[in-house]
All heavy atoms as atom14 arrays in JSON, in Angstrom:
{
  "sequence": "DYARGLTFEAHERYLRDAVTAADPQVDFAGYDMVH",
  "atom14_mask": [
    [1, 1, 1, 1, 1, 1, 1, 1, 0, 0, 0, 0, 0, 0],
    [1, 1, 1, 1, 1, 1, 1, 1, 1, 1, 1, 1, 0, 0],
    [1, 1, 1, 1, 1, 0, 0, 0, 0, 0, 0, 0, 0, 0],
    [1, 1, 1, 1, 1, 1, 1, 1, 1, 1, 1, 0, 0, 0],
    [1, 1, 1, 1, 0, 0, 0, 0, 0, 0, 0, 0, 0, 0],
    [1, 1, 1, 1, 1, 1, 1, 1, 0, 0, 0, 0, 0, 0],
    [1, 1, 1, 1, 1, 1, 1, 0, 0, 0, 0, 0, 0, 0],
    [1, 1, 1, 1, 1, 1, 1, 1, 1, 1, 1, 0, 0, 0],
    [1, 1, 1, 1, 1, 1, 1, 1, 1, 0, 0, 0, 0, 0],
    [1, 1, 1, 1, 1, 0, 0, 0, 0, 0, 0, 0, 0, 0],
    [1, 1, 1, 1, 1, 1, 1, 1, 1, 1, 0, 0, 0, 0],
    [1, 1, 1, 1, 1, 1, 1, 1, 1, 0, 0, 0, 0, 0],
    [1, 1, 1, 1, 1, 1, 1, 1, 1, 1, 1, 0, 0, 0],
    [1, 1, 1, 1, 1, 1, 1, 1, 1, 1, 1, 1, 0, 0],
    [1, 1, 1, 1, 1, 1, 1, 1, 0, 0, 0, 0, 0, 0],
    [1, 1, 1, 1, 1, 1, 1, 1, 1, 1, 1, 0, 0, 0],
    [1, 1, 1, 1, 1, 1, 1, 1, 0, 0, 0, 0, 0, 0],
    [1, 1, 1, 1, 1, 0, 0, 0, 0, 0, 0, 0, 0, 0],
    [1, 1, 1, 1, 1, 1, 1, 0, 0, 0, 0, 0, 0, 0],
    [1, 1, 1, 1, 1, 1, 1, 0, 0, 0, 0, 0, 0, 0],
    [1, 1, 1, 1, 1, 0, 0, 0, 0, 0, 0, 0, 0, 0],
    [1, 1, 1, 1, 1, 0, 0, 0, 0, 0, 0, 0, 0, 0],
    [1, 1, 1, 1, 1, 1, 1, 1, 0, 0, 0, 0, 0, 0],
    [1, 1, 1, 1, 1, 1, 1, 0, 0, 0, 0, 0, 0, 0],
    [1, 1, 1, 1, 1, 1, 1, 1, 1, 0, 0, 0, 0, 0],
    [1, 1, 1, 1, 1, 1, 1, 0, 0, 0, 0, 0, 0, 0],
    [1, 1, 1, 1, 1, 1, 1, 1, 0, 0, 0, 0, 0, 0],
    [1, 1, 1, 1, 1, 1, 1, 1, 1, 1, 1, 0, 0, 0],
    [1, 1, 1, 1, 1, 0, 0, 0, 0, 0, 0, 0, 0, 0],
    [1, 1, 1, 1, 0, 0, 0, 0, 0, 0, 0, 0, 0, 0],
    [1, 1, 1, 1, 1, 1, 1, 1, 1, 1, 1, 1, 0, 0],
    [1, 1, 1, 1, 1, 1, 1, 1, 0, 0, 0, 0, 0, 0],
    [1, 1, 1, 1, 1, 1, 1, 1, 0, 0, 0, 0, 0, 0],
    [1, 1, 1, 1, 1, 1, 1, 0, 0, 0, 0, 0, 0, 0],
    [1, 1, 1, 1, 1, 1, 1, 1, 1, 1, 0, 0, 0, 0]
  ],
  "atom14_positions": [
    [[-7.44, 10.07, -5.64], [-7.79, 9.94, -7.06], [-8.09, 8.48, -7.42], [-7.71, 7.98, -8.47], [-6.66, 10.46, -7.96], [-6.37, 11.93, -7.72], [-7.33, 12.7, -7.53], [-5.19, 12.31, -7.72], [0.0, 0.0, 0.0], [0.0, 0.0, 0.0], [0.0, 0.0, 0.0], [0.0, 0.0, 0.0], [0.0, 0.0, 0.0], [0.0, 0.0, 0.0]],
    [[-8.8, 7.84, -6.51], [-9.04, 6.4, -6.6], [-10.33, 6.17, -7.39], [-11.42, 6.08, -6.84], [-9.16, 5.83, -5.19], [-8.95, 4.35, -5.04], [-7.79, 3.85, -4.43], [-9.91, 3.44, -5.46], [-7.61, 2.49, -4.25], [-9.73, 2.09, -5.29], [-8.58, 1.61, -4.69], [-8.4, 0.26, -4.51], [0.0, 0.0, 0.0], [0.0, 0.0, 0.0]],
    [[-10.19, 6.1, -8.71], [-11.34, 5.91, -9.6], [-10.88, 5.11, -10.8], [-9.68, 4.87, -10.99], [-11.91, 7.26, -10.02], [0.0, 0.0, 0.0], [0.0, 0.0, 0.0], [0.0, 0.0, 0.0], [0.0, 0.0, 0.0], [0.0, 0.0, 0.0], [0.0, 0.0, 0.0], [0.0, 0.0, 0.0], [0.0, 0.0, 0.0], [0.0, 0.0, 0.0]],
    [[-11.82, 4.69, -11.64], [-11.47, 3.99, -12.86], [-10.51, 4.86, -13.66], [-10.72, 6.06, -13.82], [-12.7, 3.67, -13.68], [-13.61, 2.64, -13.02], [-12.96, 1.27, -12.92], [-13.79, 0.3, -12.21], [-13.43, -0.95, -11.98], [-12.25, -1.38, -12.39], [-14.24, -1.78, -11.33], [0.0, 0.0, 0.0], [0.0, 0.0, 0.0], [0.0, 0.0, 0.0]],
    [[-9.45, 4.23, -14.15], [-8.38, 5.0, -14.76], [-7.29, 5.35, -13.77], [-6.35, 6.09, -14.09], [0.0, 0.0, 0.0], [0.0, 0.0, 0.0], [0.0, 0.0, 0.0], [0.0, 0.0, 0.0], [0.0, 0.0, 0.0], [0.0, 0.0, 0.0], [0.0, 0.0, 0.0], [0.0, 0.0, 0.0], [0.0, 0.0, 0.0], [0.0, 0.0, 0.0]],
    [[-7.39, 4.79, -12.55], [-6.38, 4.99, -11.52], [-4.98, 4.72, -12.08], [-4.72, 3.68, -12.67], [-6.66, 4.02, -10.36], [-5.67, 3.97, -9.19], [-5.79, 5.24, -8.36], [-5.94, 2.74, -8.33], [0.0, 0.0, 0.0], [0.0, 0.0, 0.0], [0.0, 0.0, 0.0], [0.0, 0.0, 0.0], [0.0, 0.0, 0.0], [0.0, 0.0, 0.0]],
    [[-4.09, 5.68, -11.91], [-2.73, 5.51, -12.44], [-1.9, 4.63, -11.51], [-2.22, 4.46, -10.33], [-2.03, 6.87, -12.6], [-1.82, 7.44, -11.29], [-2.84, 7.82, -13.46], [0.0, 0.0, 0.0], [0.0, 0.0, 0.0], [0.0, 0.0, 0.0], [0.0, 0.0, 0.0], [0.0, 0.0, 0.0], [0.0, 0.0, 0.0], [0.0, 0.0, 0.0]],
    [[-0.83, 4.09, -12.07], [0.08, 3.29, -11.26], [0.65, 4.13, -10.11], [0.75, 3.65, -8.97], [1.21, 2.75, -12.13], [2.27, 2.02, -11.35], [2.08, 0.72, -10.94], [3.46, 2.65, -11.01], [3.06, 0.04, -10.21], [4.44, 1.99, -10.29], [4.24, 0.68, -9.89], [0.0, 0.0, 0.0], [0.0, 0.0, 0.0], [0.0, 0.0, 0.0]],
    [[1.01, 5.36, -10.39], [1.62, 6.22, -9.37], [0.64, 6.51, -8.23], [1.01, 6.47, -7.06], [2.11, 7.52, -10.01], [3.28, 7.36, -10.96], [2.9, 6.81, -12.32], [1.68, 6.77, -12.65], [3.82, 6.39, -13.07], [0.0, 0.0, 0.0], [0.0, 0.0, 0.0], [0.0, 0.0, 0.0], [0.0, 0.0, 0.0], [0.0, 0.0, 0.0]],
    [[-0.62, 6.81, -8.58], [-1.62, 7.08, -7.54], [-1.9, 5.82, -6.72], [-2.06, 5.89, -5.49], [-2.9, 7.61, -8.18], [0.0, 0.0, 0.0], [0.0, 0.0, 0.0], [0.0, 0.0, 0.0], [0.0, 0.0, 0.0], [0.0, 0.0, 0.0], [0.0, 0.0, 0.0], [0.0, 0.0, 0.0], [0.0, 0.0, 0.0], [0.0, 0.0, 0.0]],
    [[-1.95, 4.68, -7.39], [-2.2, 3.43, -6.68], [-1.03, 3.1, -5.74], [-1.23, 2.67, -4.59], [-2.41, 2.3, -7.68], [-3.01, 1.07, -7.09], [-2.87, -0.17, -7.66], [-3.75, 0.88, -5.96], [-3.51, -1.06, -6.94], [-4.05, -0.45, -5.89], [0.0, 0.0, 0.0], [0.0, 0.0, 0.0], [0.0, 0.0, 0.0], [0.0, 0.0, 0.0]],
    [[0.18, 3.32, -6.22], [1.35, 3.05, -5.38], [1.39, 3.99, -4.18], [1.78, 3.57, -3.08], [2.63, 3.18, -6.2], [3.88, 2.72, -5.43], [5.1, 2.67, -6.32], [5.6, 3.74, -6.72], [5.56, 1.55, -6.62], [0.0, 0.0, 0.0], [0.0, 0.0, 0.0], [0.0, 0.0, 0.0], [0.0, 0.0, 0.0], [0.0, 0.0, 0.0]],
    [[0.98, 5.23, -4.36], [0.92, 6.16, -3.22], [-0.06, 5.66, -2.16], [0.23, 5.69, -0.96], [0.49, 7.54, -3.72], [0.31, 8.56, -2.59], [-0.51, 9.77, -3.02], [-0.97, 10.52, -1.87], [-2.09, 11.23, -1.83], [-2.88, 11.28, -2.9], [-2.45, 11.88, -0.74], [0.0, 0.0, 0.0], [0.0, 0.0, 0.0], [0.0, 0.0, 0.0]],
    [[-1.22, 5.18, -2.61], [-2.22, 4.65, -1.68], [-1.65, 3.46, -0.9], [-1.76, 3.38, 0.33], [-3.46, 4.24, -2.46], [-4.58, 3.67, -1.65], [-5.53, 4.48, -1.05], [-4.73, 2.28, -1.49], [-6.58, 3.95, -0.3], [-5.77, 1.74, -0.76], [-6.69, 2.58, -0.16], [-7.73, 2.05, 0.57], [0.0, 0.0, 0.0], [0.0, 0.0, 0.0]],
    [[-1.03, 2.53, -1.63], [-0.44, 1.37, -0.98], [0.67, 1.78, -0.03], [0.76, 1.27, 1.11], [0.1, 0.41, -2.04], [0.84, -0.83, -1.52], [-0.09, -1.73, -0.73], [1.48, -1.6, -2.68], [0.0, 0.0, 0.0], [0.0, 0.0, 0.0], [0.0, 0.0, 0.0], [0.0, 0.0, 0.0], [0.0, 0.0, 0.0], [0.0, 0.0, 0.0]],
    [[1.53, 2.7, -0.44], [2.63, 3.14, 0.4], [2.12, 3.77, 1.7], [2.65, 3.5, 2.78], [3.52, 4.14, -0.34], [4.72, 4.6, 0.48], [5.56, 5.63, -0.25], [6.22, 5.04, -1.42], [5.89, 5.3, -2.67], [4.9, 6.16, -2.94], [6.53, 4.72, -3.66], [0.0, 0.0, 0.0], [0.0, 0.0, 0.0], [0.0, 0.0, 0.0]],
    [[1.07, 4.58, 1.61], [0.51, 5.21, 2.81], [-0.03, 4.15, 3.77], [0.14, 4.25, 5.0], [-0.6, 6.18, 2.43], [-0.06, 7.54, 1.97], [1.17, 7.7, 1.92], [-0.88, 8.43, 1.67], [0.0, 0.0, 0.0], [0.0, 0.0, 0.0], [0.0, 0.0, 0.0], [0.0, 0.0, 0.0], [0.0, 0.0, 0.0], [0.0, 0.0, 0.0]],
    [[-0.69, 3.12, 3.23], [-1.23, 2.06, 4.08], [-0.12, 1.27, 4.76], [-0.17, 0.99, 5.96], [-2.12, 1.14, 3.26], [0.0, 0.0, 0.0], [0.0, 0.0, 0.0], [0.0, 0.0, 0.0], [0.0, 0.0, 0.0], [0.0, 0.0, 0.0], [0.0, 0.0, 0.0], [0.0, 0.0, 0.0], [0.0, 0.0, 0.0], [0.0, 0.0, 0.0]],
    [[0.9, 0.91, 3.99], [2.01, 0.13, 4.53], [2.79, 0.95, 5.56], [3.15, 0.44, 6.64], [2.93, -0.35, 3.39], [4.23, -0.93, 3.94], [2.2, -1.4, 2.54], [0.0, 0.0, 0.0], [0.0, 0.0, 0.0], [0.0, 0.0, 0.0], [0.0, 0.0, 0.0], [0.0, 0.0, 0.0], [0.0, 0.0, 0.0], [0.0, 0.0, 0.0]],
    [[3.04, 2.2, 5.26], [3.79, 3.06, 6.18], [3.02, 3.26, 7.48], [3.6, 3.24, 8.57], [4.07, 4.42, 5.52], [4.83, 4.21, 4.33], [4.85, 5.33, 6.45], [0.0, 0.0, 0.0], [0.0, 0.0, 0.0], [0.0, 0.0, 0.0], [0.0, 0.0, 0.0], [0.0, 0.0, 0.0], [0.0, 0.0, 0.0], [0.0, 0.0, 0.0]],
    [[1.7, 3.44, 7.38], [0.89, 3.62, 8.58], [0.85, 2.36, 9.43], [0.81, 2.42, 10.67], [-0.53, 4.03, 8.19], [0.0, 0.0, 0.0], [0.0, 0.0, 0.0], [0.0, 0.0, 0.0], [0.0, 0.0, 0.0], [0.0, 0.0, 0.0], [0.0, 0.0, 0.0], [0.0, 0.0, 0.0], [0.0, 0.0, 0.0], [0.0, 0.0, 0.0]],
    [[0.91, 1.2, 8.79], [0.85, -0.07, 9.53], [2.2, -0.5, 10.07], [2.27, -1.26, 11.05], [0.29, -1.16, 8.62], [0.0, 0.0, 0.0], [0.0, 0.0, 0.0], [0.0, 0.0, 0.0], [0.0, 0.0, 0.0], [0.0, 0.0, 0.0], [0.0, 0.0, 0.0], [0.0, 0.0, 0.0], [0.0, 0.0, 0.0], [0.0, 0.0, 0.0]],
    [[3.28, -0.04, 9.46], [4.62, -0.55, 9.76], [5.01, -0.5, 11.24], [5.61, -1.47, 11.74], [5.65, 0.21, 8.92], [6.98, -0.53, 8.84], [7.0, -1.73, 9.16], [7.98, 0.07, 8.43], [0.0, 0.0, 0.0], [0.0, 0.0, 0.0], [0.0, 0.0, 0.0], [0.0, 0.0, 0.0], [0.0, 0.0, 0.0], [0.0, 0.0, 0.0]],
    [[4.67, 0.56, 12.0], [5.05, 0.55, 13.42], [4.39, -0.57, 14.24], [4.92, -0.97, 15.27], [4.57, 1.93, 13.91], [4.53, 2.77, 12.69], [4.09, 1.85, 11.6], [0.0, 0.0, 0.0], [0.0, 0.0, 0.0], [0.0, 0.0, 0.0], [0.0, 0.0, 0.0], [0.0, 0.0, 0.0], [0.0, 0.0, 0.0], [0.0, 0.0, 0.0]],
    [[3.25, -1.07, 13.74], [2.5, -2.09, 14.5], [2.6, -3.48, 13.9], [2.22, -4.46, 14.55], [1.02, -1.7, 14.54], [0.73, -0.27, 14.94], [-0.72, 0.09, 14.68], [-1.63, -0.62, 15.09], [-0.96, 1.19, 13.97], [0.0, 0.0, 0.0], [0.0, 0.0, 0.0], [0.0, 0.0, 0.0], [0.0, 0.0, 0.0], [0.0, 0.0, 0.0]],
    [[3.09, -3.58, 12.68], [3.01, -4.84, 11.92], [4.38, -5.22, 11.4], [5.13, -4.37, 10.91], [2.02, -4.69, 10.74], [1.99, -5.97, 9.91], [0.63, -4.34, 11.24], [0.0, 0.0, 0.0], [0.0, 0.0, 0.0], [0.0, 0.0, 0.0], [0.0, 0.0, 0.0], [0.0, 0.0, 0.0], [0.0, 0.0, 0.0], [0.0, 0.0, 0.0]],
    [[4.71, -6.51, 11.49], [5.95, -7.03, 10.93], [5.64, -7.6, 9.54], [4.91, -8.58, 9.4], [6.51, -8.12, 11.83], [7.86, -8.65, 11.34], [8.36, -8.14, 10.31], [8.41, -9.56, 11.98], [0.0, 0.0, 0.0], [0.0, 0.0, 0.0], [0.0, 0.0, 0.0], [0.0, 0.0, 0.0], [0.0, 0.0, 0.0], [0.0, 0.0, 0.0]],
    [[6.18, -6.98, 8.51], [5.92, -7.4, 7.14], [6.84, -8.53, 6.67], [6.67, -9.05, 5.56], [6.06, -6.2, 6.19], [4.91, -5.23, 6.25], [4.84, -4.28, 7.26], [3.9, -5.28, 5.32], [3.79, -3.38, 7.32], [2.83, -4.39, 5.37], [2.77, -3.44, 6.38], [0.0, 0.0, 0.0], [0.0, 0.0, 0.0], [0.0, 0.0, 0.0]],
    [[7.79, -8.9, 7.46], [8.76, -9.91, 7.05], [8.07, -11.25, 6.8], [7.21, -11.69, 7.58], [9.84, -10.06, 8.11], [0.0, 0.0, 0.0], [0.0, 0.0, 0.0], [0.0, 0.0, 0.0], [0.0, 0.0, 0.0], [0.0, 0.0, 0.0], [0.0, 0.0, 0.0], [0.0, 0.0, 0.0], [0.0, 0.0, 0.0], [0.0, 0.0, 0.0]],
    [[8.46, -11.9, 5.74], [7.97, -13.26, 5.47], [6.68, -13.33, 4.69], [6.19, -14.43, 4.41], [0.0, 0.0, 0.0], [0.0, 0.0, 0.0], [0.0, 0.0, 0.0], [0.0, 0.0, 0.0], [0.0, 0.0, 0.0], [0.0, 0.0, 0.0], [0.0, 0.0, 0.0], [0.0, 0.0, 0.0], [0.0, 0.0, 0.0], [0.0, 0.0, 0.0]],
    [[6.11, -12.18, 4.32], [4.87, -12.19, 3.56], [5.15, -11.98, 2.07], [6.02, -11.2, 1.7], [3.89, -11.13, 4.08], [3.34, -11.49, 5.44], [3.88, -10.94, 6.61], [2.28, -12.39, 5.56], [3.39, -11.28, 7.85], [1.78, -12.74, 6.81], [2.33, -12.18, 7.94], [1.86, -12.53, 9.19], [0.0, 0.0, 0.0], [0.0, 0.0, 0.0]],
    [[4.37, -12.67, 1.23], [4.54, -12.57, -0.21], [3.68, -11.47, -0.82], [4.01, -10.95, -1.89], [4.17, -13.9, -0.88], [4.97, -15.07, -0.34], [6.2, -15.04, -0.51], [4.37, -15.99, 0.24], [0.0, 0.0, 0.0], [0.0, 0.0, 0.0], [0.0, 0.0, 0.0], [0.0, 0.0, 0.0], [0.0, 0.0, 0.0], [0.0, 0.0, 0.0]],
    [[2.6, -11.14, -0.15], [1.59, -10.29, -0.75], [0.87, -9.53, 0.35], [0.79, -9.99, 1.5], [0.61, -11.17, -1.55], [-0.44, -10.46, -2.35], [-1.4, -11.7, -3.27], [-2.61, -10.65, -4.05], [0.0, 0.0, 0.0], [0.0, 0.0, 0.0], [0.0, 0.0, 0.0], [0.0, 0.0, 0.0], [0.0, 0.0, 0.0], [0.0, 0.0, 0.0]],
    [[0.32, -8.37, 0.03], [-0.42, -7.56, 0.99], [-1.82, -7.29, 0.45], [-2.0, -6.96, -0.73], [0.31, -6.22, 1.27], [-0.55, -5.32, 2.16], [1.66, -6.47, 1.92], [0.0, 0.0, 0.0], [0.0, 0.0, 0.0], [0.0, 0.0, 0.0], [0.0, 0.0, 0.0], [0.0, 0.0, 0.0], [0.0, 0.0, 0.0], [0.0, 0.0, 0.0]],
    [[-2.82, -7.43, 1.32], [-4.18, -7.0, 1.04], [-4.46, -5.76, 1.88], [-4.18, -5.75, 3.09], [-5.2, -8.08, 1.41], [-5.24, -9.24, 0.48], [-5.97, -10.38, 0.73], [-4.65, -9.44, -0.73], [-5.82, -11.23, -0.26], [-5.02, -10.69, -1.17], [0.0, 0.0, 0.0], [0.0, 0.0, 0.0], [0.0, 0.0, 0.0], [0.0, 0.0, 0.0]]
  ]
}
């Protein structure tokens, strides 16, 4: 549901899926921000 008017919950779900998918390969420690 990634369109203008994107809700906070939908955006957080997108971010969570990306972070979770990357987590086995990536160390997130020490970073202030994610792109």
